[in-house]
Amino acid sequence: MSVVAPFVAPLKTHYDVVIVGGAKIGSSVAWFLSNNADFDGSILVVEKDPTYAFSSTSHTNSCMRQQFSTEINIRVSQFAAEFVNNFQDYFLNDPRVPTINVQSFGYMTLADNADSANALRRAQALQESCGAGTKTMTPEEIKRDYPFYFLDDIVAGNHNLINEGYYDGNTVFDWWKRSAREKGAEYIANQVVAMTKNADGSKVVSVSLASGEQISCAKVVNASGPSAAVTSRMAGIDIPVEPRKRYSYIFAAEQPLDRDLPLTIDPSGVHVRSEGQYYLAGCPPDHDPAVEVDDFIEDHSLWQDKVWPAVAKRIPQFEAVKLINSWVGHYAFNTLDQNAILGAHDQVENFIFVNGFSGHGFQQAPAMGRGVAELITYGEYRSLDLTPFGYQRVADHKPFTEHAVI
């Protein structure tokens, strides 16, 4: 299953920055670069599917949370919330740009044993120290605020109603792409199929396109989502990123809840939240291998055997529901530690990663795009130190562990 668009040739034969992948992550880099007054270079964004029909961007649930176990991931999400809540300001109050906000229904992370509860308490303390509004709640406190939960097996929960929930990520993406083009970034429907390095292998000097052109470049940004490993191999680099299926389900309840449902992370691994008049649930499959980038075939037994039973147990009002829609998307899954890989390679110095978000890409795109733009422009991160995500940990096989992975 793939989309092959008519190839579009680039306007020039050299670009300062070639971005491989024009979905939300690539467009974030393009926008922050083109919006930086100190960057005066040329930008080419190469996207093989300009409809984005099978990209992770098109299959996202547009979530936003600060409930992470590492400070840098909390800070990254806090900037995303600040960016979304002040969206028009970042576009200099352009009257065409809409107002958007984080829909703060909150996250509710549930623990069913003492070890998990202690982990929640440690995470809450860190999140609070970073200014997040996370509170650790007893089952009685949860039941007081959300009486529809079944909590007999729950010992604690972390909850935050401030800048946690979801947002209109596609509007952000659309305006990044539109504005980057208006500021001079060139987007083409094409595909990078090869890269050529210099004699000592320290730089990529050109990329080859499926339409036959060879384009010289000063820097290459790998923003190709689940195809990141394929792109990296063109430069002779291996990274531990692979496509993995993630399932989403929209359902209607015969007895709707009388209040918004926080994005509830059940100990079973299933999550569920309000979605307008409906509800959205999701989960990884029990067997979670790498898949081909064009494999979106659903395992229809997953809803009946895993998702609905877990949802109905946690919220008994959901024992009678009707499945409205379902789909499969891909995580760009970093098998090392489920954290992003960001910044330059240790040997191919002009090859820049912005990969392996493992499901966090939509909420991390603002900070990561800004950071990569700073790295390209200034040779360093200036707004937020993103060095913990650097490639060196991959080379050294030293995971940067984030426990709050959904």
Protein backbone atom coordinates (compact mmCIF):
# COMPACT_ATOMS: atom_id res chain seq x y z
CA MET A 1 0.00 0.00 0.00
CA SER A 2 1.76 3.16 -1.15
CA VAL A 3 1.25 6.40 -3.00
CA VAL A 4 3.47 7.31 -5.94
CA ALA A 5 3.09 10.93 -6.94
CA PRO A 6 4.39 12.37 -10.21
CA PHE A 7 7.95 13.39 -9.48
CA VAL A 8 8.71 17.10 -9.32
CA ALA A 9 12.23 18.25 -10.09
CA PRO A 10 13.91 20.79 -7.79
CA LEU A 11 14.48 24.31 -9.02
CA LYS A 12 18.20 24.35 -8.19
CA THR A 13 21.14 21.98 -8.17
CA HIS A 14 22.45 22.98 -4.72
CA TYR A 15 20.75 23.60 -1.36
CA ASP A 16 22.18 24.47 2.01
CA VAL A 17 19.78 22.08 3.74
CA VAL A 18 18.03 19.06 2.24
CA ILE A 19 15.28 17.68 4.49
CA VAL A 20 14.31 14.10 3.71
CA GLY A 21 10.65 13.87 4.69
CA GLY A 22 8.11 16.67 4.70
CA ALA A 23 5.53 15.50 7.24
CA LYS A 24 5.20 17.15 10.63
CA ILE A 25 8.77 16.65 11.86
CA GLY A 26 10.39 17.71 8.59
CA SER A 27 8.04 20.67 8.28
CA SER A 28 8.82 21.73 11.83
CA VAL A 29 12.52 21.89 10.95
CA ALA A 30 11.74 23.73 7.71
CA TRP A 31 9.52 26.27 9.48
CA PHE A 32 11.85 27.02 12.36
CA LEU A 33 14.79 27.33 9.95
CA SER A 34 12.95 29.60 7.52
CA ASN A 35 11.57 31.63 10.43
CA ASN A 36 15.03 32.22 11.93
CA ALA A 37 16.38 35.64 10.93
CA ASP A 38 19.95 34.37 11.38
CA PHE A 39 19.52 31.61 8.78
CA ASP A 40 19.81 32.82 5.20
CA GLY A 41 20.36 29.52 3.41
CA SER A 42 18.27 27.55 0.95
CA ILE A 43 16.00 24.68 2.03
CA LEU A 44 14.75 21.74 -0.03
CA VAL A 45 12.12 19.43 1.49
CA VAL A 46 11.78 16.13 -0.36
CA GLU A 47 8.54 14.25 0.34
CA LYS A 48 7.68 11.06 -1.53
CA ASP A 49 3.94 11.29 -0.72
CA PRO A 50 2.64 14.87 -0.72
CA THR A 51 -0.83 13.61 0.24
CA TYR A 52 0.71 12.30 3.51
CA ALA A 53 -1.97 9.60 3.41
CA PHE A 54 0.24 6.92 4.93
CA SER A 55 2.49 9.06 7.09
CA SER A 56 2.53 8.87 10.87
CA THR A 57 1.32 12.48 10.80
CA SER A 58 -1.97 11.38 9.22
CA HIS A 59 -2.53 8.57 11.73
CA THR A 60 -1.71 10.40 14.93
CA ASN A 61 -4.02 10.94 17.88
CA SER A 62 -2.52 14.43 18.45
CA CYS A 63 -1.80 13.86 22.13
CA MET A 64 -0.09 16.22 24.54
CA ARG A 65 1.29 15.37 27.98
CA GLN A 66 3.95 16.30 30.50
CA GLN A 67 3.77 13.01 32.36
CA PHE A 68 7.26 11.78 31.51
CA SER A 69 9.95 10.36 33.77
CA THR A 70 12.86 12.49 32.48
CA GLU A 71 13.20 16.24 32.80
CA ILE A 72 14.13 16.88 29.19
CA ASN A 73 11.00 15.13 27.89
CA ILE A 74 8.89 17.20 30.28
CA ARG A 75 10.55 20.42 29.09
CA VAL A 76 10.10 19.44 25.44
CA SER A 77 6.36 18.93 25.98
CA GLN A 78 6.03 22.14 27.95
CA PHE A 79 7.36 24.09 25.00
CA ALA A 80 4.89 22.28 22.74
CA ALA A 81 2.01 23.40 24.98
CA GLU A 82 3.34 26.95 25.08
CA PHE A 83 3.68 26.95 21.28
CA VAL A 84 0.17 25.63 20.68
CA ASN A 85 -1.49 27.91 23.22
CA ASN A 86 0.22 30.94 21.68
CA PHE A 87 0.03 29.74 18.10
CA GLN A 88 -0.98 33.05 16.52
CA ASP A 89 1.82 34.90 18.30
CA TYR A 90 4.40 32.63 16.67
CA PHE A 91 2.97 33.65 13.29
CA LEU A 92 3.11 37.34 14.21
CA ASN A 93 -0.69 37.44 14.51
CA ASP A 94 -1.17 36.80 10.80
CA PRO A 95 -4.98 37.14 10.46
CA ARG A 96 -5.12 33.96 8.36
CA VAL A 97 -3.76 31.85 11.23
CA PRO A 98 -6.39 30.37 13.56
CA THR A 99 -6.30 30.19 17.33
CA ILE A 100 -5.75 26.69 18.67
CA ASN A 101 -5.34 25.40 22.19
CA VAL A 102 -4.55 22.25 24.08
CA GLN A 103 -7.83 20.51 24.91
CA SER A 104 -6.93 19.78 28.51
CA PHE A 105 -9.00 16.74 29.41
CA GLY A 106 -5.87 15.53 31.15
CA TYR A 107 -4.08 12.23 31.43
CA MET A 108 -4.87 9.65 34.10
CA THR A 109 -2.08 7.11 34.56
CA LEU A 110 -3.20 4.19 36.72
CA ALA A 111 -1.04 1.86 38.83
CA ASP A 112 -2.18 -1.56 40.05
CA ASN A 113 0.80 -2.49 42.25
CA ALA A 114 3.13 -0.88 44.76
CA ASP A 115 6.14 -0.67 42.43
CA SER A 116 4.14 1.09 39.74
CA ALA A 117 2.62 3.43 42.32
CA ASN A 118 6.07 4.35 43.62
CA ALA A 119 7.20 5.06 40.07
CA LEU A 120 4.22 7.38 39.65
CA ARG A 121 5.13 9.23 42.84
CA ARG A 122 8.73 9.70 41.70
CA ALA A 123 7.54 10.94 38.32
CA GLN A 124 5.05 13.30 39.95
CA ALA A 125 7.76 14.85 42.11
CA LEU A 126 9.94 15.46 39.05
CA GLN A 127 7.05 16.82 37.00
CA GLU A 128 6.01 19.15 39.82
CA SER A 129 9.59 20.42 40.14
CA CYS A 130 9.40 21.34 36.45
CA GLY A 131 6.17 23.27 36.98
CA ALA A 132 3.73 20.63 35.74
CA GLY A 133 0.39 20.25 37.48
CA THR A 134 0.54 16.49 38.00
CA LYS A 135 -1.01 15.15 41.22
CA THR A 136 -0.78 11.64 42.63
CA MET A 137 -4.26 10.51 43.67
CA THR A 138 -5.56 7.71 45.84
CA PRO A 139 -8.32 5.46 44.46
CA GLU A 140 -10.78 7.32 46.68
CA GLU A 141 -9.75 10.67 45.23
CA ILE A 142 -9.98 9.33 41.69
CA LYS A 143 -13.44 7.92 42.39
CA ARG A 144 -14.57 11.26 43.81
CA ASP A 145 -13.70 13.07 40.59
CA TYR A 146 -14.45 10.26 38.13
CA PRO A 147 -17.04 7.94 39.66
CA PHE A 148 -17.38 5.82 36.52
CA TYR A 149 -14.01 4.05 36.97
CA PHE A 150 -13.70 0.53 38.38
CA LEU A 151 -10.79 0.87 40.81
CA ASP A 152 -10.79 -2.23 43.02
CA ASP A 153 -7.42 -3.28 41.57
CA ILE A 154 -5.90 0.25 41.47
CA VAL A 155 -3.60 1.57 44.18
CA ALA A 156 -2.76 5.05 42.80
CA GLY A 157 -3.04 7.31 39.79
CA ASN A 158 -1.27 10.36 38.39
CA HIS A 159 -3.48 13.05 36.94
CA ASN A 160 -2.90 16.45 35.34
CA LEU A 161 -5.52 18.76 33.84
CA ILE A 162 -3.12 21.53 32.79
CA ASN A 163 -1.85 21.38 29.21
CA GLU A 164 -2.49 17.66 28.92
CA GLY A 165 -4.94 16.13 26.50
CA TYR A 166 -4.85 16.67 22.77
CA TYR A 167 -4.72 19.46 20.19
CA ASP A 168 -5.30 20.13 16.52
CA GLY A 169 -1.91 18.97 15.35
CA ASN A 170 -2.86 18.95 11.69
CA THR A 171 -3.50 22.69 11.77
CA VAL A 172 -0.03 23.20 13.23
CA PHE A 173 1.42 21.00 10.49
CA ASP A 174 -0.50 22.78 7.75
CA TRP A 175 0.71 26.21 8.84
CA TRP A 176 4.30 25.09 9.29
CA LYS A 177 4.30 23.75 5.75
CA ARG A 178 2.45 26.74 4.26
CA SER A 179 4.54 29.35 6.06
CA ALA A 180 7.86 27.62 5.36
CA ARG A 181 7.01 27.69 1.65
CA GLU A 182 6.07 31.36 1.83
CA LYS A 183 9.43 32.07 3.44
CA GLY A 184 11.33 30.31 0.66
CA ALA A 185 11.54 26.63 1.60
CA GLU A 186 11.02 24.51 -1.51
CA TYR A 187 8.85 21.39 -1.21
CA ILE A 188 8.93 18.79 -3.96
CA ALA A 189 7.12 15.52 -4.53
CA ASN A 190 10.10 13.23 -5.05
CA GLN A 191 12.19 10.65 -3.25
CA VAL A 192 15.80 10.55 -2.13
CA VAL A 193 17.18 7.22 -3.34
CA ALA A 194 20.94 7.57 -2.72
CA MET A 195 23.57 9.75 -1.13
CA THR A 196 27.18 10.41 -2.08
CA LYS A 197 29.85 11.18 0.52
CA ASN A 198 33.22 12.87 0.14
CA ALA A 199 36.46 10.92 -0.12
CA ASP A 200 36.98 10.46 3.62
CA GLY A 201 33.32 9.76 4.32
CA SER A 202 32.94 12.70 6.69
CA LYS A 203 30.18 14.49 4.76
CA VAL A 204 27.28 13.85 2.44
CA VAL A 205 28.02 15.96 -0.61
CA SER A 206 24.94 15.17 -2.68
CA VAL A 207 21.64 13.32 -2.76
CA SER A 208 20.18 11.51 -5.75
CA LEU A 209 16.46 11.78 -6.51
CA ALA A 210 14.15 9.17 -7.98
CA SER A 211 13.60 11.48 -10.94
CA GLY A 212 17.32 11.34 -11.78
CA GLU A 213 18.67 14.64 -10.46
CA GLN A 214 21.73 14.80 -8.25
CA ILE A 215 21.56 17.68 -5.76
CA SER A 216 24.59 18.95 -3.87
CA CYS A 217 24.02 20.01 -0.28
CA ALA A 218 25.71 21.41 2.80
CA LYS A 219 23.55 19.48 5.30
CA VAL A 220 21.07 16.61 5.19
CA VAL A 221 18.27 16.23 7.75
CA ASN A 222 16.76 12.78 8.16
CA ALA A 223 13.10 13.45 8.97
CA SER A 224 11.70 10.36 7.29
CA GLY A 225 9.70 8.91 10.19
CA PRO A 226 9.29 5.13 10.08
CA SER A 227 11.62 5.04 7.04
CA ALA A 228 14.45 6.66 9.01
CA ALA A 229 16.71 3.60 8.94
CA VAL A 230 16.38 3.34 5.15
CA THR A 231 17.40 6.98 4.77
CA SER A 232 20.32 6.60 7.17
CA ARG A 233 21.66 3.58 5.34
CA MET A 234 22.04 5.74 2.23
CA ALA A 235 24.77 7.54 4.19
CA GLY A 236 26.23 4.28 5.48
CA ILE A 237 24.70 4.71 8.93
CA ASP A 238 22.62 2.23 10.91
CA ILE A 239 20.09 3.47 13.46
CA PRO A 240 17.76 1.37 15.64
CA VAL A 241 14.50 2.77 14.27
CA GLU A 242 11.80 0.59 12.74
CA PRO A 243 8.09 0.86 11.82
CA ARG A 244 5.76 -0.73 14.37
CA LYS A 245 1.99 -0.89 14.23
CA ARG A 246 -0.20 1.00 16.65
CA TYR A 247 -3.97 0.62 16.65
CA SER A 248 -6.66 3.26 17.18
CA TYR A 249 -10.40 2.76 17.65
CA ILE A 250 -13.31 5.19 17.71
CA PHE A 251 -16.42 3.92 19.48
CA ALA A 252 -19.79 5.15 20.70
CA ALA A 253 -21.15 4.23 24.12
CA GLU A 254 -24.75 3.25 24.74
CA GLN A 255 -24.40 5.04 28.10
CA PRO A 256 -22.10 8.04 27.52
CA LEU A 257 -20.20 9.40 30.50
CA ASP A 258 -21.47 12.54 32.19
CA ARG A 259 -18.10 14.30 31.94
CA ASP A 260 -14.95 14.31 29.83
CA LEU A 261 -12.84 11.18 30.05
CA PRO A 262 -9.13 11.89 30.65
CA LEU A 263 -6.73 9.96 28.48
CA THR A 264 -6.65 6.97 30.77
CA ILE A 265 -3.59 4.76 30.65
CA ASP A 266 -4.69 1.39 31.96
CA PRO A 267 -2.21 -1.10 33.45
CA SER A 268 -3.18 -3.46 30.61
CA GLY A 269 -1.45 -1.14 28.13
CA VAL A 270 -4.73 0.07 26.62
CA HIS A 271 -5.52 3.77 26.69
CA VAL A 272 -8.87 5.51 26.17
CA ARG A 273 -10.12 9.11 26.12
CA SER A 274 -13.01 11.34 25.06
CA GLU A 275 -13.15 12.21 21.36
CA GLY A 276 -16.02 14.63 20.86
CA GLN A 277 -19.28 12.70 21.19
CA TYR A 278 -17.33 9.46 20.86
CA TYR A 279 -14.35 7.81 22.57
CA LEU A 280 -10.93 6.89 21.27
CA ALA A 281 -8.97 3.85 22.46
CA GLY A 282 -5.60 2.52 21.39
CA CYS A 283 -2.85 0.06 22.15
CA PRO A 284 0.14 -1.80 20.76
CA PRO A 285 -0.44 -5.37 19.59
CA ASP A 286 0.63 -8.17 21.93
CA HIS A 287 3.07 -9.35 19.27
CA ASP A 288 4.94 -6.20 18.27
CA PRO A 289 7.46 -6.86 15.49
CA ALA A 290 8.89 -4.47 12.94
CA VAL A 291 6.72 -4.24 9.83
CA GLU A 292 7.16 -2.97 6.31
CA VAL A 293 6.56 0.75 5.88
CA ASP A 294 3.54 0.07 3.66
CA ASP A 295 1.94 -2.56 5.92
CA PHE A 296 -1.24 -1.13 7.41
CA ILE A 297 -3.20 -4.38 7.60
CA GLU A 298 -5.30 -4.56 10.77
CA ASP A 299 -5.58 -7.49 13.14
CA HIS A 300 -9.32 -7.22 13.74
CA SER A 301 -9.22 -9.60 16.69
CA LEU A 302 -7.31 -7.05 18.75
CA TRP A 303 -10.40 -4.95 19.45
CA GLN A 304 -12.50 -7.89 20.55
CA ASP A 305 -9.82 -9.76 22.48
CA LYS A 306 -7.80 -6.96 24.10
CA VAL A 307 -9.04 -3.41 23.76
CA TRP A 308 -12.75 -3.64 24.44
CA PRO A 309 -12.38 -6.06 27.41
CA ALA A 310 -9.84 -3.73 29.06
CA VAL A 311 -11.98 -0.64 28.43
CA ALA A 312 -15.15 -2.33 29.69
CA LYS A 313 -13.43 -3.55 32.84
CA ARG A 314 -12.05 -0.13 33.71
CA ILE A 315 -15.25 1.74 32.81
CA PRO A 316 -18.27 -0.57 33.24
CA GLN A 317 -20.51 1.88 31.35
CA PHE A 318 -18.56 0.85 28.27
CA GLU A 319 -19.81 -2.73 28.36
CA ALA A 320 -22.25 -1.72 25.59
CA VAL A 321 -20.42 0.12 22.80
CA LYS A 322 -20.41 0.31 19.02
CA LEU A 323 -17.17 0.42 17.08
CA ILE A 324 -17.35 3.35 14.64
CA ASN A 325 -13.91 3.35 13.01
CA SER A 326 -10.44 1.90 13.39
CA TRP A 327 -7.04 2.32 11.77
CA VAL A 328 -3.39 1.33 12.01
CA GLY A 329 -0.58 3.84 12.12
CA HIS A 330 3.15 3.39 12.53
CA TYR A 331 5.43 4.40 15.35
CA ALA A 332 8.97 5.26 14.28
CA PHE A 333 10.10 3.01 17.10
CA ASN A 334 13.57 3.44 18.58
CA THR A 335 14.41 -0.06 19.81
CA LEU A 336 17.30 1.23 21.95
CA ASP A 337 15.31 3.37 24.39
CA GLN A 338 12.11 4.72 22.75
CA ASN A 339 13.50 8.24 22.77
CA ALA A 340 14.22 10.52 19.83
CA ILE A 341 17.61 10.51 18.10
CA LEU A 342 18.58 14.09 17.41
CA GLY A 343 21.55 15.98 16.05
CA ALA A 344 24.59 15.22 13.93
CA HIS A 345 26.21 11.85 13.35
CA ASP A 346 29.55 11.34 15.07
CA GLN A 347 31.43 10.71 11.80
CA VAL A 348 29.24 11.92 8.93
CA GLU A 349 29.18 15.39 10.43
CA ASN A 350 26.60 17.05 8.18
CA PHE A 351 24.04 14.24 8.48
CA ILE A 352 21.46 15.32 11.08
CA PHE A 353 18.94 13.03 12.75
CA VAL A 354 15.46 13.94 13.90
CA ASN A 355 14.17 10.39 14.23
CA GLY A 356 12.83 7.60 16.42
CA PHE A 357 10.13 9.44 18.35
CA SER A 358 8.33 6.21 19.25
CA GLY A 359 4.91 7.84 19.33
CA HIS A 360 5.92 11.18 20.86
CA GLY A 361 6.59 13.02 17.62
CA PHE A 362 3.51 15.23 17.41
CA GLN A 363 3.98 16.73 20.87
CA GLN A 364 7.77 16.91 20.55
CA ALA A 365 7.87 18.41 17.06
CA PRO A 366 7.94 22.09 18.13
CA ALA A 367 10.93 21.76 20.45
CA MET A 368 12.78 19.34 18.19
CA GLY A 369 12.25 21.43 15.06
CA ARG A 370 13.41 24.53 16.89
CA GLY A 371 16.44 22.68 18.26
CA VAL A 372 17.55 21.28 14.92
CA ALA A 373 17.13 24.72 13.34
CA GLU A 374 19.36 26.19 16.07
CA LEU A 375 21.93 23.43 15.57
CA ILE A 376 22.08 24.11 11.84
CA THR A 377 22.18 27.89 12.24
CA TYR A 378 24.46 28.28 15.27
CA GLY A 379 26.16 24.92 15.67
CA GLU A 380 24.54 24.50 19.11
CA TYR A 381 21.22 24.28 20.92
CA ARG A 382 20.25 27.63 22.40
CA SER A 383 16.68 27.46 23.69
CA LEU A 384 16.71 24.00 25.28
CA ASP A 385 19.64 21.65 25.71
CA LEU A 386 18.66 18.61 23.66
CA THR A 387 22.02 16.84 23.86
CA PRO A 388 20.58 13.87 25.85
CA PHE A 389 18.92 12.83 22.57
CA GLY A 390 22.21 12.85 20.67
CA TYR A 391 23.41 10.06 18.41
CA GLN A 392 26.46 9.23 20.57
CA ARG A 393 24.35 7.16 22.95
CA VAL A 394 23.35 4.99 19.98
CA ALA A 395 26.98 4.51 18.98
CA ASP A 396 27.86 3.67 22.59
CA HIS A 397 24.78 1.43 23.10
CA LYS A 398 23.86 3.41 26.20
CA PRO A 399 20.07 3.88 26.44
CA PHE A 400 18.61 7.13 27.66
CA THR A 401 15.66 5.56 29.42
CA GLU A 402 12.19 7.04 29.50
CA HIS A 403 9.79 4.95 31.57
CA ALA A 404 6.59 6.71 30.53
CA VAL A 405 6.22 5.21 27.07
CA ILE A 406 2.71 4.49 25.80
